[in-house]
N, C-alpha and C. Protein backbone atom coordinates (compact mmCIF):
# COMPACT_ATOMS: atom_id res chain seq x y z
N MET A 1 0.84 -1.17 0.00
CA MET A 1 0.00 0.00 0.00
C MET A 1 0.88 1.23 0.00
N ARG A 2 0.51 2.21 -0.79
CA ARG A 2 1.22 3.49 -0.84
C ARG A 2 0.21 4.61 -0.73
N LEU A 3 0.64 5.67 -0.09
CA LEU A 3 -0.17 6.88 -0.09
C LEU A 3 -0.09 7.52 -1.47
N SER A 4 -1.10 8.23 -1.85
CA SER A 4 -1.03 9.00 -3.09
C SER A 4 0.00 10.11 -2.89
N ASN A 5 0.49 10.64 -4.00
CA ASN A 5 1.43 11.76 -3.92
C ASN A 5 0.81 12.93 -3.15
N LEU A 6 -0.48 13.18 -3.39
CA LEU A 6 -1.14 14.30 -2.74
C LEU A 6 -1.18 14.11 -1.22
N ALA A 7 -1.45 12.89 -0.75
CA ALA A 7 -1.46 12.64 0.70
C ALA A 7 -0.05 12.78 1.27
N ASP A 8 0.93 12.29 0.55
CA ASP A 8 2.33 12.44 0.96
C ASP A 8 2.68 13.92 1.07
N TYR A 9 2.34 14.70 0.05
CA TYR A 9 2.63 16.13 0.04
C TYR A 9 1.87 16.86 1.16
N ALA A 10 0.69 16.37 1.49
CA ALA A 10 -0.08 16.98 2.58
C ALA A 10 0.65 16.80 3.92
N VAL A 11 1.21 15.62 4.14
CA VAL A 11 1.97 15.39 5.37
C VAL A 11 3.19 16.31 5.40
N ILE A 12 3.88 16.42 4.28
CA ILE A 12 5.05 17.31 4.20
C ILE A 12 4.63 18.76 4.47
N THR A 13 3.55 19.19 3.86
CA THR A 13 3.07 20.56 4.04
C THR A 13 2.67 20.83 5.48
N MET A 14 1.98 19.88 6.10
CA MET A 14 1.57 20.06 7.50
C MET A 14 2.77 20.07 8.43
N CYS A 15 3.75 19.24 8.16
CA CYS A 15 4.96 19.25 8.98
C CYS A 15 5.66 20.60 8.88
N GLN A 16 5.71 21.15 7.69
CA GLN A 16 6.33 22.46 7.51
C GLN A 16 5.51 23.54 8.20
N ALA A 17 4.19 23.47 8.09
CA ALA A 17 3.33 24.44 8.78
C ALA A 17 3.52 24.34 10.29
N ALA A 18 3.74 23.14 10.79
CA ALA A 18 3.94 22.95 12.23
C ALA A 18 5.21 23.63 12.72
N LEU A 19 6.18 23.79 11.84
CA LEU A 19 7.40 24.50 12.23
C LEU A 19 7.13 25.98 12.49
N HIS A 20 6.01 26.48 11.98
CA HIS A 20 5.61 27.87 12.17
C HIS A 20 4.59 28.00 13.30
N CYS A 21 4.47 26.99 14.13
CA CYS A 21 3.48 26.97 15.22
C CYS A 21 3.57 28.21 16.09
N GLY A 22 2.61 28.33 16.93
CA GLY A 22 2.55 29.48 17.81
C GLY A 22 1.76 30.57 17.14
N ASN A 23 2.20 31.79 17.30
CA ASN A 23 1.48 32.92 16.72
C ASN A 23 1.91 33.21 15.29
N ALA A 24 2.97 32.57 14.83
CA ALA A 24 3.46 32.82 13.47
C ALA A 24 2.47 32.30 12.45
N ARG A 25 2.35 33.03 11.35
CA ARG A 25 1.49 32.62 10.25
C ARG A 25 2.35 32.50 9.01
N VAL A 26 1.91 31.66 8.12
CA VAL A 26 2.69 31.39 6.92
C VAL A 26 1.72 31.35 5.73
N SER A 27 2.19 31.72 4.56
CA SER A 27 1.33 31.69 3.37
C SER A 27 1.54 30.37 2.64
N ALA A 28 0.60 30.06 1.76
CA ALA A 28 0.74 28.86 0.92
C ALA A 28 1.99 28.98 0.05
N ALA A 29 2.27 30.19 -0.44
CA ALA A 29 3.47 30.39 -1.27
C ALA A 29 4.74 30.13 -0.47
N GLU A 30 4.75 30.57 0.79
CA GLU A 30 5.92 30.30 1.65
C GLU A 30 6.08 28.81 1.91
N LEU A 31 4.97 28.13 2.18
CA LEU A 31 5.03 26.68 2.40
C LEU A 31 5.56 25.98 1.15
N ALA A 32 5.12 26.43 -0.01
CA ALA A 32 5.59 25.84 -1.27
C ALA A 32 7.09 26.05 -1.42
N ALA A 33 7.55 27.26 -1.15
CA ALA A 33 8.98 27.56 -1.28
C ALA A 33 9.81 26.74 -0.29
N GLU A 34 9.31 26.61 0.93
CA GLU A 34 10.04 25.89 1.97
C GLU A 34 10.08 24.39 1.73
N THR A 35 9.04 23.84 1.12
CA THR A 35 8.98 22.40 0.88
C THR A 35 9.48 22.00 -0.50
N GLY A 36 9.54 22.95 -1.42
CA GLY A 36 9.92 22.64 -2.79
C GLY A 36 8.77 22.10 -3.62
N LEU A 37 7.56 22.14 -3.08
CA LEU A 37 6.37 21.69 -3.81
C LEU A 37 5.83 22.82 -4.67
N PRO A 38 5.17 22.50 -5.78
CA PRO A 38 4.59 23.55 -6.63
C PRO A 38 3.50 24.33 -5.89
N VAL A 39 3.46 25.63 -6.12
CA VAL A 39 2.47 26.49 -5.46
C VAL A 39 1.04 26.00 -5.70
N PRO A 40 0.64 25.66 -6.95
CA PRO A 40 -0.74 25.20 -7.14
C PRO A 40 -1.07 23.94 -6.32
N THR A 41 -0.10 23.06 -6.16
CA THR A 41 -0.32 21.84 -5.37
C THR A 41 -0.54 22.21 -3.91
N VAL A 42 0.29 23.09 -3.39
CA VAL A 42 0.16 23.50 -1.99
C VAL A 42 -1.16 24.23 -1.79
N GLN A 43 -1.56 25.06 -2.73
CA GLN A 43 -2.85 25.76 -2.62
C GLN A 43 -4.01 24.77 -2.57
N LYS A 44 -3.94 23.74 -3.39
CA LYS A 44 -4.98 22.69 -3.38
C LYS A 44 -5.00 21.98 -2.03
N LEU A 45 -3.82 21.64 -1.53
CA LEU A 45 -3.72 20.96 -0.24
C LEU A 45 -4.24 21.85 0.89
N VAL A 46 -3.85 23.11 0.86
CA VAL A 46 -4.28 24.05 1.90
C VAL A 46 -5.80 24.14 1.92
N SER A 47 -6.42 24.14 0.77
CA SER A 47 -7.87 24.19 0.69
C SER A 47 -8.50 22.98 1.38
N LYS A 48 -8.00 21.80 1.08
CA LYS A 48 -8.54 20.57 1.68
C LYS A 48 -8.23 20.50 3.18
N LEU A 49 -7.02 20.88 3.55
CA LEU A 49 -6.61 20.82 4.96
C LEU A 49 -7.37 21.84 5.80
N THR A 50 -7.68 22.98 5.20
CA THR A 50 -8.47 24.00 5.89
C THR A 50 -9.91 23.52 6.05
N ALA A 51 -10.46 22.92 5.00
CA ALA A 51 -11.83 22.40 5.07
C ALA A 51 -11.95 21.33 6.17
N ALA A 52 -10.87 20.58 6.41
CA ALA A 52 -10.87 19.54 7.43
C ALA A 52 -10.56 20.09 8.82
N GLY A 53 -10.27 21.40 8.91
CA GLY A 53 -9.98 22.01 10.20
C GLY A 53 -8.55 21.82 10.68
N LEU A 54 -7.69 21.30 9.82
CA LEU A 54 -6.30 21.07 10.21
C LEU A 54 -5.45 22.33 10.07
N LEU A 55 -5.84 23.20 9.15
CA LEU A 55 -5.23 24.51 9.01
C LEU A 55 -6.34 25.54 9.18
N ARG A 56 -5.92 26.74 9.53
CA ARG A 56 -6.89 27.84 9.69
C ARG A 56 -6.30 29.06 9.02
N GLY A 57 -7.11 29.71 8.22
CA GLY A 57 -6.69 30.94 7.56
C GLY A 57 -7.04 32.13 8.42
N VAL A 58 -6.10 33.07 8.54
CA VAL A 58 -6.31 34.29 9.30
C VAL A 58 -6.18 35.45 8.32
N ARG A 59 -7.18 36.30 8.27
CA ARG A 59 -7.17 37.44 7.35
C ARG A 59 -6.52 38.65 8.00
N GLY A 60 -6.17 39.60 7.18
CA GLY A 60 -5.66 40.86 7.69
C GLY A 60 -4.21 41.07 7.36
N ALA A 61 -3.68 42.19 7.85
CA ALA A 61 -2.31 42.58 7.55
C ALA A 61 -1.29 41.53 8.00
N HIS A 62 -1.58 40.88 9.09
CA HIS A 62 -0.67 39.85 9.61
C HIS A 62 -1.30 38.47 9.44
N GLY A 63 -2.07 38.32 8.38
CA GLY A 63 -2.79 37.08 8.13
C GLY A 63 -1.90 35.99 7.57
N GLY A 64 -2.51 34.87 7.30
CA GLY A 64 -1.82 33.72 6.76
C GLY A 64 -2.43 32.45 7.30
N LEU A 65 -1.67 31.40 7.24
CA LEU A 65 -2.14 30.10 7.70
C LEU A 65 -1.48 29.73 9.02
N GLN A 66 -2.23 29.02 9.84
CA GLN A 66 -1.68 28.44 11.05
C GLN A 66 -2.39 27.12 11.30
N LEU A 67 -1.81 26.32 12.16
CA LEU A 67 -2.43 25.03 12.47
C LEU A 67 -3.82 25.26 13.07
N GLY A 68 -4.75 24.39 12.73
CA GLY A 68 -6.11 24.49 13.24
C GLY A 68 -6.24 24.04 14.67
N ARG A 69 -5.28 23.28 15.15
CA ARG A 69 -5.22 22.84 16.54
C ARG A 69 -3.75 22.54 16.86
N PRO A 70 -3.42 22.28 18.09
CA PRO A 70 -2.01 22.03 18.43
C PRO A 70 -1.42 20.86 17.64
N ALA A 71 -0.13 20.95 17.35
CA ALA A 71 0.55 19.91 16.57
C ALA A 71 0.37 18.53 17.18
N ALA A 72 0.35 18.44 18.49
CA ALA A 72 0.19 17.14 19.16
C ALA A 72 -1.21 16.57 18.97
N ALA A 73 -2.15 17.39 18.54
CA ALA A 73 -3.54 16.95 18.34
C ALA A 73 -3.87 16.69 16.88
N ILE A 74 -2.88 16.77 16.00
CA ILE A 74 -3.08 16.49 14.58
C ILE A 74 -2.26 15.26 14.23
N THR A 75 -2.93 14.21 13.77
CA THR A 75 -2.24 12.96 13.47
C THR A 75 -2.07 12.76 11.97
N VAL A 76 -1.19 11.84 11.63
CA VAL A 76 -1.01 11.47 10.22
C VAL A 76 -2.33 10.94 9.67
N ALA A 77 -3.09 10.21 10.46
CA ALA A 77 -4.40 9.72 10.02
C ALA A 77 -5.32 10.88 9.66
N ASP A 78 -5.33 11.93 10.48
CA ASP A 78 -6.16 13.11 10.19
C ASP A 78 -5.80 13.71 8.84
N ILE A 79 -4.50 13.82 8.59
CA ILE A 79 -4.03 14.44 7.35
C ILE A 79 -4.39 13.57 6.14
N VAL A 80 -4.13 12.28 6.24
CA VAL A 80 -4.43 11.36 5.13
C VAL A 80 -5.92 11.37 4.84
N GLU A 81 -6.74 11.33 5.89
CA GLU A 81 -8.19 11.31 5.68
C GLU A 81 -8.70 12.64 5.10
N ALA A 82 -8.05 13.74 5.41
CA ALA A 82 -8.45 15.03 4.84
C ALA A 82 -8.26 15.03 3.33
N ILE A 83 -7.28 14.27 2.85
CA ILE A 83 -6.96 14.24 1.43
C ILE A 83 -7.63 13.06 0.72
N GLU A 84 -7.57 11.90 1.33
CA GLU A 84 -8.01 10.66 0.69
C GLU A 84 -9.42 10.20 1.08
N GLY A 85 -9.95 10.74 2.15
CA GLY A 85 -11.19 10.20 2.69
C GLY A 85 -10.86 9.10 3.70
N ARG A 86 -11.88 8.41 4.13
CA ARG A 86 -11.72 7.38 5.16
C ARG A 86 -10.66 6.36 4.76
N ILE A 87 -9.84 5.97 5.72
CA ILE A 87 -8.79 4.99 5.47
C ILE A 87 -9.41 3.61 5.33
N ALA A 88 -9.26 3.02 4.16
CA ALA A 88 -9.78 1.68 3.89
C ALA A 88 -8.93 1.06 2.79
N LEU A 89 -8.48 -0.15 3.04
CA LEU A 89 -7.62 -0.83 2.06
C LEU A 89 -8.39 -1.44 0.91
N THR A 90 -9.67 -1.70 1.12
CA THR A 90 -10.48 -2.32 0.06
C THR A 90 -11.75 -1.52 -0.16
N ALA A 91 -12.27 -1.59 -1.36
CA ALA A 91 -13.49 -0.86 -1.71
C ALA A 91 -14.73 -1.49 -1.09
N CYS A 92 -14.69 -2.78 -0.75
CA CYS A 92 -15.89 -3.43 -0.25
C CYS A 92 -16.34 -2.87 1.10
N ILE A 93 -15.47 -2.19 1.78
CA ILE A 93 -15.84 -1.58 3.05
C ILE A 93 -16.84 -0.46 2.83
N ASP A 94 -16.77 0.18 1.69
CA ASP A 94 -17.67 1.28 1.37
C ASP A 94 -18.98 0.79 0.75
N HIS A 95 -19.28 -0.48 0.94
CA HIS A 95 -20.53 -1.08 0.47
C HIS A 95 -20.70 -1.03 -1.04
N THR A 96 -19.58 -1.08 -1.76
CA THR A 96 -19.68 -1.17 -3.21
C THR A 96 -19.87 -2.64 -3.58
N HIS A 97 -20.40 -2.86 -4.75
CA HIS A 97 -20.66 -4.22 -5.22
C HIS A 97 -19.34 -4.92 -5.51
N CYS A 98 -19.29 -6.18 -5.15
CA CYS A 98 -18.11 -7.00 -5.42
C CYS A 98 -18.58 -8.31 -6.04
N ASP A 99 -17.95 -8.74 -7.11
CA ASP A 99 -18.34 -9.98 -7.78
C ASP A 99 -18.09 -11.21 -6.92
N PHE A 100 -17.27 -11.08 -5.90
CA PHE A 100 -16.91 -12.24 -5.07
C PHE A 100 -17.54 -12.19 -3.68
N GLU A 101 -18.43 -11.25 -3.46
CA GLU A 101 -19.00 -11.02 -2.13
C GLU A 101 -19.69 -12.25 -1.56
N ALA A 102 -20.40 -12.99 -2.37
CA ALA A 102 -21.15 -14.15 -1.87
C ALA A 102 -20.24 -15.19 -1.20
N GLY A 103 -19.07 -15.40 -1.74
CA GLY A 103 -18.18 -16.40 -1.17
C GLY A 103 -17.00 -15.82 -0.41
N CYS A 104 -17.06 -14.54 -0.09
CA CYS A 104 -15.92 -13.88 0.54
C CYS A 104 -15.92 -14.07 2.05
N ASN A 105 -14.84 -14.63 2.54
CA ASN A 105 -14.69 -14.81 3.97
C ASN A 105 -13.93 -13.65 4.61
N MET A 106 -13.39 -12.76 3.78
CA MET A 106 -12.57 -11.66 4.30
C MET A 106 -13.37 -10.42 4.68
N LYS A 107 -14.50 -10.20 4.06
CA LYS A 107 -15.23 -8.94 4.27
C LYS A 107 -15.43 -8.61 5.75
N PRO A 108 -15.78 -9.56 6.60
CA PRO A 108 -15.96 -9.19 8.02
C PRO A 108 -14.64 -8.81 8.71
N HIS A 109 -13.52 -9.20 8.11
CA HIS A 109 -12.22 -8.93 8.73
C HIS A 109 -11.61 -7.60 8.31
N TRP A 110 -12.02 -7.06 7.17
CA TRP A 110 -11.42 -5.82 6.68
C TRP A 110 -11.58 -4.66 7.65
N PRO A 111 -12.72 -4.49 8.31
CA PRO A 111 -12.80 -3.38 9.28
C PRO A 111 -11.74 -3.49 10.39
N ILE A 112 -11.43 -4.69 10.82
CA ILE A 112 -10.41 -4.88 11.84
C ILE A 112 -9.05 -4.44 11.30
N ILE A 113 -8.75 -4.84 10.08
CA ILE A 113 -7.48 -4.48 9.44
C ILE A 113 -7.41 -2.96 9.22
N ASN A 114 -8.49 -2.39 8.71
CA ASN A 114 -8.52 -0.95 8.46
C ASN A 114 -8.37 -0.15 9.77
N ASN A 115 -9.03 -0.61 10.83
CA ASN A 115 -8.90 0.07 12.12
C ASN A 115 -7.48 -0.01 12.66
N ALA A 116 -6.81 -1.14 12.44
CA ALA A 116 -5.42 -1.26 12.88
C ALA A 116 -4.53 -0.30 12.11
N LEU A 117 -4.74 -0.20 10.81
CA LEU A 117 -3.96 0.73 9.99
C LEU A 117 -4.22 2.17 10.41
N ARG A 118 -5.49 2.52 10.58
CA ARG A 118 -5.81 3.87 11.01
C ARG A 118 -5.21 4.15 12.39
N GLY A 119 -5.30 3.17 13.28
CA GLY A 119 -4.73 3.33 14.62
C GLY A 119 -3.24 3.59 14.58
N ALA A 120 -2.53 2.91 13.69
CA ALA A 120 -1.09 3.12 13.56
C ALA A 120 -0.81 4.55 13.10
N LEU A 121 -1.55 5.03 12.12
CA LEU A 121 -1.36 6.39 11.61
C LEU A 121 -1.83 7.43 12.62
N ALA A 122 -2.85 7.10 13.39
CA ALA A 122 -3.35 8.02 14.42
C ALA A 122 -2.40 8.10 15.61
N GLY A 123 -1.50 7.15 15.71
CA GLY A 123 -0.53 7.14 16.81
C GLY A 123 0.68 8.03 16.55
N ILE A 124 0.71 8.68 15.40
CA ILE A 124 1.83 9.56 15.05
C ILE A 124 1.27 10.97 14.82
N ASN A 125 1.75 11.92 15.61
CA ASN A 125 1.25 13.29 15.46
C ASN A 125 2.33 14.23 14.96
N LEU A 126 1.91 15.43 14.59
CA LEU A 126 2.85 16.41 14.02
C LEU A 126 3.96 16.80 14.99
N ALA A 127 3.65 16.85 16.27
CA ALA A 127 4.69 17.20 17.25
C ALA A 127 5.81 16.16 17.21
N GLN A 128 5.45 14.89 17.05
CA GLN A 128 6.46 13.83 16.94
C GLN A 128 7.27 13.97 15.66
N LEU A 129 6.61 14.34 14.58
CA LEU A 129 7.30 14.45 13.29
C LEU A 129 8.24 15.65 13.25
N ARG A 130 8.02 16.62 14.10
CA ARG A 130 8.91 17.77 14.18
C ARG A 130 10.19 17.44 14.94
N GLY A 131 10.13 16.43 15.79
CA GLY A 131 11.26 16.09 16.64
C GLY A 131 12.28 15.22 15.93
N PRO A 132 13.30 14.79 16.67
CA PRO A 132 14.32 13.92 16.07
C PRO A 132 13.73 12.57 15.69
N VAL A 133 14.32 11.96 14.71
CA VAL A 133 13.85 10.66 14.23
C VAL A 133 14.29 9.58 15.22
N ALA A 134 13.33 8.74 15.61
CA ALA A 134 13.64 7.62 16.51
C ALA A 134 14.37 6.54 15.72
N PRO A 135 15.19 5.74 16.40
CA PRO A 135 15.86 4.65 15.68
C PRO A 135 14.84 3.75 15.00
N GLU A 136 15.16 3.35 13.80
CA GLU A 136 14.24 2.54 13.00
C GLU A 136 14.17 1.12 13.54
N THR A 137 12.96 0.60 13.62
CA THR A 137 12.76 -0.79 13.96
C THR A 137 12.14 -1.46 12.75
N HIS A 138 12.47 -2.68 12.54
CA HIS A 138 11.97 -3.42 11.40
C HIS A 138 10.93 -4.43 11.85
N ALA A 139 9.89 -4.60 11.04
CA ALA A 139 8.83 -5.54 11.37
C ALA A 139 9.37 -6.95 11.58
N GLU A 140 10.35 -7.31 10.78
CA GLU A 140 10.88 -8.68 10.89
C GLU A 140 11.59 -8.89 12.24
N ASP A 141 12.02 -7.81 12.91
CA ASP A 141 12.65 -7.94 14.22
C ASP A 141 11.63 -8.40 15.27
N HIS A 142 10.35 -8.16 15.00
CA HIS A 142 9.31 -8.50 15.96
C HIS A 142 8.66 -9.83 15.66
N LEU A 143 9.04 -10.45 14.57
CA LEU A 143 8.49 -11.75 14.22
C LEU A 143 9.31 -12.84 14.91
N ALA A 144 8.71 -13.81 15.39
CA ALA A 144 9.40 -14.95 16.01
C ALA A 144 8.79 -15.29 17.32
């Protein structure tokens, strides 16, 4: 599974916006320059992230963008869902028709899998992403 480029760029944009936390405000153009992302892409992301309440626009002479809530209260899951919609690995969760539904033993299990994936992404917040990188652990280290 891979995130779309737009979801990836949204995480990058939000991490950069989090660096301006506090009373500082930043423009979409500044975020684009700081991240190296195209301005139209950042503007599109800002629109979606603002609609989801993750960013807030402030008007006026000292206006700009700021986080919609504290960095510790914004998770990677929040950001991905603002761009992609509900986290689900399969379409059958959204009650779409499936040619194999009658004999499918997996459908009842997908919500469990999706909740685990969402939980993993919800366990990582912007405040953590601003800090130093923790030593990498590999999944295979935990098998056995």
